[in-house]
Amino acid sequence: YALLRSNLRSEKPEVHIPPLIIAGGYDPRNIENVQHLSELKALASKLQIMDKVQFQPNVADTQRSYLLKNALCVVYTPNREHFGIVPIESMYAGSPVIAVNSGGPKETILDGKTGFLVENDDVAFMEAMKKLVCNVSLAVDMGKNGHEYVREKFGMEKFRLSWCKMVMEALKRGGVRKRRERESGGGYDVGVRFVGYMMEATIALIVAWVITVVLQLFGVVGDESSVVGEVRAFFSKEKVADEL
């Protein structure tokens, strides 16, 4: 950000540069959190941008939504990160995302359409931010693209259809396996097969529970909803449609 300000002051002094807002979870009882925030403030002071940076630790959900909806862009800096929910939330809120071209962001961000994937260095991030700061309409278009992209690829309806597809595929494979066992005269011992089926069912329930907790945590489904319930509702609608 400091590099961006320095670059634009010399090249395009007329361009307005929005403030940098650093927001996120913060636990004062966690020594690492305390040290990291102190380091960030010291760095901002050293770079002489302290008056241009806003630190907002522990923002409420409403404030987080406001920030994501009104940001020119979201800069996501982790390298070799896992899937990551931040880019998804940001794009759904209408903000383009600038992230390192590695890990999860490569699966969630469309480079040049919903944001930018860059190398993990200051200059690369600066150049990406510069494109959006100097062309606000580009940021707006990318934000719209990101919202539609997330809604179509990661929305609840997409998740419901994908989950049902996996369930149907599992049932299909189970039927094929049972048929082969009957044709081969029984195959494995009945007790062993029963234990295997119970393990598969248990794993499926655990996975459904974990997915439900995650989706409830991020507000995708309500507290009274569950993945199992969504699947049951899907098949109920399908049954009604068949009857009609």
Protein backbone atom coordinates (compact mmCIF):
# COMPACT_ATOMS: atom_id res chain seq x y z
CA TYR A 1 0.00 0.00 0.00
CA ALA A 2 2.86 2.37 0.83
CA LEU A 3 4.48 1.48 -2.48
CA LEU A 4 1.20 2.22 -4.26
CA ARG A 5 0.92 5.67 -2.69
CA SER A 6 4.53 6.48 -3.54
CA ASN A 7 4.10 5.30 -7.13
CA LEU A 8 0.88 7.22 -7.80
CA ARG A 9 2.15 10.42 -6.17
CA SER A 10 4.82 10.61 -8.85
CA GLU A 11 2.86 9.22 -11.81
CA LYS A 12 -0.77 10.22 -11.22
CA PRO A 13 -1.08 12.64 -8.30
CA GLU A 14 -4.70 13.40 -9.23
CA VAL A 15 -5.87 9.83 -8.50
CA HIS A 16 -7.71 9.35 -5.22
CA ILE A 17 -6.32 6.49 -3.14
CA PRO A 18 -8.80 5.05 -0.61
CA PRO A 19 -7.60 4.26 2.92
CA LEU A 20 -6.26 0.82 3.80
CA ILE A 21 -8.51 -0.99 6.26
CA ILE A 22 -7.03 -3.98 8.09
CA ALA A 23 -9.86 -5.90 9.73
CA GLY A 24 -10.23 -9.36 11.18
CA GLY A 25 -10.39 -11.53 14.25
CA TYR A 26 -8.33 -10.50 17.26
CA ASP A 27 -8.00 -12.07 20.69
CA PRO A 28 -6.14 -9.90 23.24
CA ARG A 29 -5.45 -13.07 25.25
CA ASN A 30 -3.51 -14.54 22.33
CA ILE A 31 0.08 -13.32 22.50
CA GLU A 32 0.60 -13.93 18.76
CA ASN A 33 -2.39 -11.72 17.93
CA VAL A 34 -1.12 -8.96 20.18
CA GLN A 35 2.39 -9.12 18.76
CA HIS A 36 1.22 -9.20 15.15
CA LEU A 37 -1.06 -6.18 15.56
CA SER A 38 1.78 -4.30 17.25
CA GLU A 39 4.11 -5.21 14.37
CA LEU A 40 1.60 -4.01 11.76
CA LYS A 41 1.16 -0.68 13.53
CA ALA A 42 4.92 -0.24 13.84
CA LEU A 43 5.35 -1.00 10.13
CA ALA A 44 2.64 1.50 9.17
CA SER A 45 4.36 4.13 11.27
CA LYS A 46 7.75 3.33 9.74
CA LEU A 47 6.31 3.63 6.22
CA GLN A 48 4.67 6.94 7.20
CA ILE A 49 1.15 5.81 6.29
CA MET A 50 -0.28 5.52 9.80
CA ASP A 51 -2.79 8.28 9.07
CA LYS A 52 -3.97 6.38 5.99
CA VAL A 53 -4.46 3.00 7.68
CA GLN A 54 -7.43 1.94 9.81
CA PHE A 55 -7.09 -1.06 12.13
CA GLN A 56 -10.42 -2.67 12.94
CA PRO A 57 -9.90 -5.86 14.98
CA ASN A 58 -12.87 -8.00 15.98
CA VAL A 59 -15.43 -6.42 13.66
CA ALA A 60 -19.05 -7.47 14.07
CA ASP A 61 -20.78 -9.38 11.27
CA THR A 62 -22.74 -6.30 10.19
CA GLN A 63 -19.58 -4.20 10.02
CA ARG A 64 -17.74 -6.93 8.13
CA SER A 65 -20.54 -7.09 5.57
CA TYR A 66 -20.43 -3.30 5.21
CA LEU A 67 -16.67 -3.31 4.65
CA LEU A 68 -16.81 -6.09 2.06
CA LYS A 69 -19.66 -4.44 0.15
CA ASN A 70 -17.99 -1.03 0.04
CA ALA A 71 -14.36 -1.98 -0.48
CA LEU A 72 -12.68 -1.06 -3.75
CA CYS A 73 -11.00 -4.47 -3.50
CA VAL A 74 -9.93 -7.05 -0.93
CA VAL A 75 -6.24 -7.89 -0.70
CA TYR A 76 -5.80 -11.50 0.43
CA THR A 77 -2.13 -12.08 1.23
CA PRO A 78 -1.71 -15.70 2.51
CA ASN A 79 0.67 -17.78 0.40
CA ARG A 80 -0.13 -21.43 -0.37
CA GLU A 81 -3.38 -21.03 1.52
CA HIS A 82 -6.09 -23.70 1.70
CA PHE A 83 -9.47 -23.16 0.03
CA GLY A 84 -10.16 -20.07 2.17
CA ILE A 85 -13.58 -18.51 2.77
CA VAL A 86 -12.46 -14.86 2.58
CA PRO A 87 -12.23 -14.67 -1.25
CA ILE A 88 -15.67 -16.30 -1.55
CA GLU A 89 -17.28 -13.90 0.93
CA SER A 90 -15.58 -10.91 -0.67
CA MET A 91 -16.60 -11.75 -4.22
CA TYR A 92 -20.16 -12.52 -3.17
CA ALA A 93 -20.30 -9.08 -1.51
CA GLY A 94 -19.20 -7.53 -4.80
CA SER A 95 -15.52 -6.82 -4.13
CA PRO A 96 -12.78 -8.03 -6.48
CA VAL A 97 -10.00 -9.97 -4.74
CA ILE A 98 -6.25 -9.71 -5.20
CA ALA A 99 -4.49 -12.85 -3.98
CA VAL A 100 -1.32 -14.89 -4.37
CA ASN A 101 -1.35 -17.22 -7.35
CA SER A 102 -1.13 -20.38 -5.24
CA GLY A 103 -3.30 -22.70 -3.18
CA GLY A 104 -7.03 -22.18 -2.75
CA PRO A 105 -7.36 -18.81 -4.54
CA LYS A 106 -6.42 -20.54 -7.80
CA GLU A 107 -9.67 -22.50 -7.46
CA THR A 108 -11.90 -19.62 -6.35
CA ILE A 109 -10.68 -16.52 -8.18
CA LEU A 110 -10.93 -16.02 -11.95
CA ASP A 111 -7.80 -14.05 -12.79
CA GLY A 112 -8.67 -10.87 -14.68
CA LYS A 113 -12.41 -11.40 -14.27
CA THR A 114 -13.26 -11.55 -10.55
CA GLY A 115 -9.89 -10.30 -9.31
CA PHE A 116 -6.18 -10.78 -9.84
CA LEU A 117 -3.81 -13.65 -9.03
CA VAL A 118 -0.30 -12.31 -8.57
CA GLU A 119 3.17 -13.35 -7.50
CA ASN A 120 3.96 -13.16 -3.81
CA ASP A 121 5.83 -9.86 -3.78
CA ASP A 122 5.15 -6.19 -3.04
CA VAL A 123 5.45 -4.95 -6.62
CA ALA A 124 2.98 -7.51 -7.99
CA PHE A 125 0.36 -6.60 -5.38
CA MET A 126 0.98 -2.90 -5.97
CA GLU A 127 0.49 -3.21 -9.73
CA ALA A 128 -2.80 -5.10 -9.24
CA MET A 129 -4.11 -2.52 -6.75
CA LYS A 130 -3.01 0.27 -9.08
CA LYS A 131 -5.18 -1.11 -11.90
CA LEU A 132 -8.27 -0.91 -9.72
CA VAL A 133 -7.47 2.40 -8.03
CA CYS A 134 -6.91 4.03 -11.43
CA ASN A 135 -9.97 2.38 -12.98
CA VAL A 136 -12.86 2.23 -10.52
CA SER A 137 -15.28 1.03 -13.23
CA LEU A 138 -13.07 -2.03 -13.70
CA ALA A 139 -13.35 -2.74 -9.98
CA VAL A 140 -17.14 -2.42 -10.18
CA ASP A 141 -17.35 -4.78 -13.16
CA MET A 142 -15.10 -7.32 -11.46
CA GLY A 143 -17.23 -7.08 -8.32
CA LYS A 144 -20.37 -7.87 -10.32
CA ASN A 145 -18.62 -10.77 -12.04
CA GLY A 146 -17.47 -12.11 -8.68
CA HIS A 147 -20.95 -12.01 -7.18
CA GLU A 148 -22.47 -13.93 -10.08
CA TYR A 149 -19.59 -16.39 -10.15
CA VAL A 150 -19.92 -17.25 -6.46
CA ARG A 151 -23.70 -17.48 -6.66
CA GLU A 152 -23.54 -19.88 -9.61
CA LYS A 153 -20.61 -22.03 -8.48
CA PHE A 154 -20.75 -21.94 -4.69
CA GLY A 155 -24.39 -21.07 -3.96
CA MET A 156 -26.74 -23.29 -1.95
CA GLU A 157 -28.57 -24.58 -5.02
CA LYS A 158 -25.28 -25.59 -6.62
CA PHE A 159 -24.21 -27.27 -3.39
CA ARG A 160 -27.57 -29.07 -3.11
CA LEU A 161 -27.34 -30.45 -6.64
CA SER A 162 -23.72 -31.52 -6.21
CA TRP A 163 -24.47 -33.24 -2.92
CA CYS A 164 -27.47 -35.08 -4.35
CA LYS A 165 -25.37 -36.14 -7.34
CA MET A 166 -22.76 -37.63 -5.01
CA VAL A 167 -25.45 -39.42 -2.99
CA MET A 168 -27.00 -40.89 -6.13
CA GLU A 169 -23.55 -41.97 -7.38
CA ALA A 170 -22.85 -43.65 -4.03
CA LEU A 171 -26.17 -45.49 -4.17
CA LYS A 172 -25.48 -46.55 -7.73
CA ARG A 173 -22.04 -47.90 -6.86
CA GLY A 174 -23.47 -49.67 -3.84
CA GLY A 175 -26.06 -51.38 -6.04
CA VAL A 176 -23.42 -52.48 -8.53
CA ARG A 177 -21.25 -53.90 -5.74
CA LYS A 178 -24.14 -55.84 -4.23
CA ARG A 179 -25.05 -57.28 -7.63
CA ARG A 180 -21.48 -58.42 -8.23
CA GLU A 181 -21.35 -60.04 -4.81
CA ARG A 182 -24.58 -61.93 -5.47
CA GLU A 183 -23.31 -63.08 -8.84
CA SER A 184 -20.04 -64.29 -7.31
CA GLY A 185 -21.84 -66.35 -4.69
CA GLY A 186 -21.57 -64.04 -1.74
CA GLY A 187 -17.98 -62.84 -1.87
CA TYR A 188 -17.00 -61.51 1.50
CA ASP A 189 -18.34 -62.71 4.78
CA VAL A 190 -21.71 -61.18 5.67
CA GLY A 191 -20.38 -59.82 8.95
CA VAL A 192 -17.47 -58.10 7.25
CA ARG A 193 -19.78 -56.53 4.67
CA PHE A 194 -22.12 -55.32 7.40
CA VAL A 195 -19.27 -53.63 9.28
CA GLY A 196 -18.13 -52.01 6.03
CA TYR A 197 -21.61 -50.64 5.32
CA MET A 198 -21.89 -49.29 8.87
CA MET A 199 -18.52 -47.54 8.57
CA GLU A 200 -19.54 -45.96 5.28
CA ALA A 201 -22.83 -44.76 6.76
CA THR A 202 -21.07 -43.36 9.83
CA ILE A 203 -18.52 -41.50 7.72
CA ALA A 204 -21.31 -40.06 5.54
CA LEU A 205 -23.16 -38.79 8.63
CA ILE A 206 -19.98 -37.25 10.08
CA VAL A 207 -19.23 -35.50 6.79
CA ALA A 208 -22.82 -34.20 6.62
CA TRP A 209 -22.59 -32.92 10.20
CA VAL A 210 -19.26 -31.15 9.58
CA ILE A 211 -20.56 -29.52 6.39
CA THR A 212 -23.71 -28.42 8.23
CA VAL A 213 -21.70 -26.81 11.03
CA VAL A 214 -19.48 -24.96 8.54
CA LEU A 215 -22.43 -23.71 6.48
CA GLN A 216 -24.28 -22.58 9.64
CA LEU A 217 -21.12 -20.84 10.86
CA PHE A 218 -20.94 -18.71 7.71
CA GLY A 219 -24.70 -18.18 7.53
CA VAL A 220 -25.29 -20.16 4.34
CA VAL A 221 -28.01 -22.24 6.03
CA GLY A 222 -30.07 -21.43 9.11
CA ASP A 223 -29.51 -22.86 12.57
CA GLU A 224 -32.48 -25.18 12.09
CA SER A 225 -31.27 -26.43 8.70
CA SER A 226 -28.92 -29.28 7.89
CA VAL A 227 -27.32 -30.84 4.86
CA VAL A 228 -29.28 -34.04 5.47
CA GLY A 229 -32.48 -32.00 5.64
CA GLU A 230 -31.63 -30.22 2.40
CA VAL A 231 -31.06 -33.56 0.65
CA ARG A 232 -34.33 -34.94 2.04
CA ALA A 233 -36.16 -31.81 0.86
CA PHE A 234 -34.61 -32.15 -2.58
CA PHE A 235 -35.82 -35.74 -2.99
CA SER A 236 -39.24 -34.80 -1.63
CA LYS A 237 -39.58 -32.10 -4.30
CA GLU A 238 -38.40 -34.55 -6.94
CA LYS A 239 -40.98 -37.10 -5.79
CA VAL A 240 -43.79 -34.55 -5.92
CA ALA A 241 -42.68 -33.51 -9.39
CA ASP A 242 -42.77 -37.14 -10.55
CA GLU A 243 -46.26 -37.61 -9.14
CA LEU A 244 -47.50 -34.48 -10.89
